[in-house]
Amino acid sequence: MKPKIPKKTKVSKKKITKDMKIGDLIEENPDAMETLYEVGFGCVGCPMSVHETIEQGAAVHGMTKKDVDELVKELNRRKGK
C-alpha cells in the first residue's frame, strides 16, 4: 500500500545524489516517493530506508550503476514539479 503523498510540500533545493539516504530524500522531497515506486522501490517507508542511500537501495533491487545515475537524474528533474 502506497503512503499518501502530501499535496503541498516545501521541496529542498539541495541537489539529490546517489549518496543521499532514502529517508532524507523522502523527508526533503516527499514527491520523490512516486518516482521511487515507479522504478520498484516499494519499501521507501521501511525502517532500512533511514539508513540506506539511494545507491544501496538500488543495489538491493538489482539496479545497475547506470540505472542509479538515471534514477538520480530523474529525481532531480522531477523535484518540485
Protein backbone atom coordinates (compact mmCIF):
# COMPACT_ATOMS: atom_id res chain seq x y z
CA MET A 1 0.00 0.00 0.00
CA LYS A 2 1.42 3.38 -1.02
CA PRO A 3 1.71 6.04 1.67
CA LYS A 4 -0.15 9.25 0.89
CA ILE A 5 1.99 11.98 -0.63
CA PRO A 6 1.22 15.42 0.77
CA LYS A 7 -0.29 17.75 -1.85
CA LYS A 8 1.67 20.88 -0.99
CA THR A 9 5.15 20.44 0.32
CA LYS A 10 8.20 22.60 0.60
CA VAL A 11 10.85 20.95 -1.55
CA SER A 12 14.53 21.09 -0.68
CA LYS A 13 16.72 23.00 -3.10
CA LYS A 14 19.61 20.66 -2.31
CA LYS A 15 20.73 18.52 -5.25
CA ILE A 16 19.81 14.85 -4.94
CA THR A 17 22.79 12.48 -5.11
CA LYS A 18 23.18 8.71 -5.03
CA ASP A 19 24.83 9.06 -1.60
CA MET A 20 21.71 10.63 -0.08
CA LYS A 21 19.87 8.46 2.43
CA ILE A 22 16.43 7.42 1.16
CA GLY A 23 14.80 8.63 4.38
CA ASP A 24 16.39 12.08 3.95
CA LEU A 25 15.31 12.18 0.31
CA ILE A 26 11.67 11.50 1.23
CA GLU A 27 11.74 13.93 4.14
CA GLU A 28 13.16 16.73 1.97
CA ASN A 29 11.31 15.80 -1.26
CA PRO A 30 8.13 13.82 -0.49
CA ASP A 31 7.12 13.79 -4.16
CA ALA A 32 10.17 11.59 -4.85
CA MET A 33 8.20 8.61 -3.47
CA GLU A 34 6.27 8.40 -6.72
CA THR A 35 9.45 8.17 -8.81
CA LEU A 36 10.92 5.57 -6.46
CA TYR A 37 7.75 3.44 -6.68
CA GLU A 38 7.87 3.64 -10.47
CA VAL A 39 11.33 2.04 -10.54
CA GLY A 40 10.50 -0.67 -7.99
CA PHE A 41 11.38 0.85 -4.62
CA GLY A 42 8.27 -0.47 -2.89
CA CYS A 43 9.88 -0.18 0.51
CA VAL A 44 10.51 3.57 0.81
CA GLY A 45 8.72 3.56 4.15
CA CYS A 46 10.62 0.59 5.59
CA PRO A 47 12.96 1.07 8.57
CA MET A 48 16.07 0.45 6.42
CA SER A 49 15.30 3.47 4.24
CA VAL A 50 16.51 5.69 7.07
CA HIS A 51 19.96 4.10 6.87
CA GLU A 52 20.34 3.16 3.20
CA THR A 53 21.50 5.50 0.48
CA ILE A 54 19.75 5.66 -2.88
CA GLU A 55 22.65 3.68 -4.35
CA GLN A 56 22.47 0.97 -1.66
CA GLY A 57 18.70 0.64 -2.02
CA ALA A 58 19.05 0.41 -5.78
CA ALA A 59 21.63 -2.37 -5.46
CA VAL A 60 19.22 -4.36 -3.25
CA HIS A 61 16.62 -4.02 -6.00
CA GLY A 62 19.02 -5.21 -8.72
CA MET A 63 19.70 -1.85 -10.35
CA THR A 64 23.00 -1.20 -12.14
CA LYS A 65 25.20 1.86 -11.57
CA LYS A 66 23.85 3.25 -14.85
CA ASP A 67 20.28 2.73 -13.58
CA VAL A 68 21.19 4.59 -10.38
CA ASP A 69 22.65 7.51 -12.33
CA GLU A 70 19.49 7.69 -14.45
CA LEU A 71 17.29 7.49 -11.35
CA VAL A 72 19.15 10.33 -9.63
CA LYS A 73 18.94 12.43 -12.79
CA GLU A 74 15.18 11.79 -12.96
CA LEU A 75 14.69 12.58 -9.27
CA ASN A 76 16.43 15.92 -9.76
CA ARG A 77 14.44 16.63 -12.92
CA ARG A 78 11.09 15.99 -11.22
CA LYS A 79 11.97 17.74 -7.97
CA GLY A 80 9.39 20.37 -7.14
CA LYS A 81 7.06 19.63 -10.06
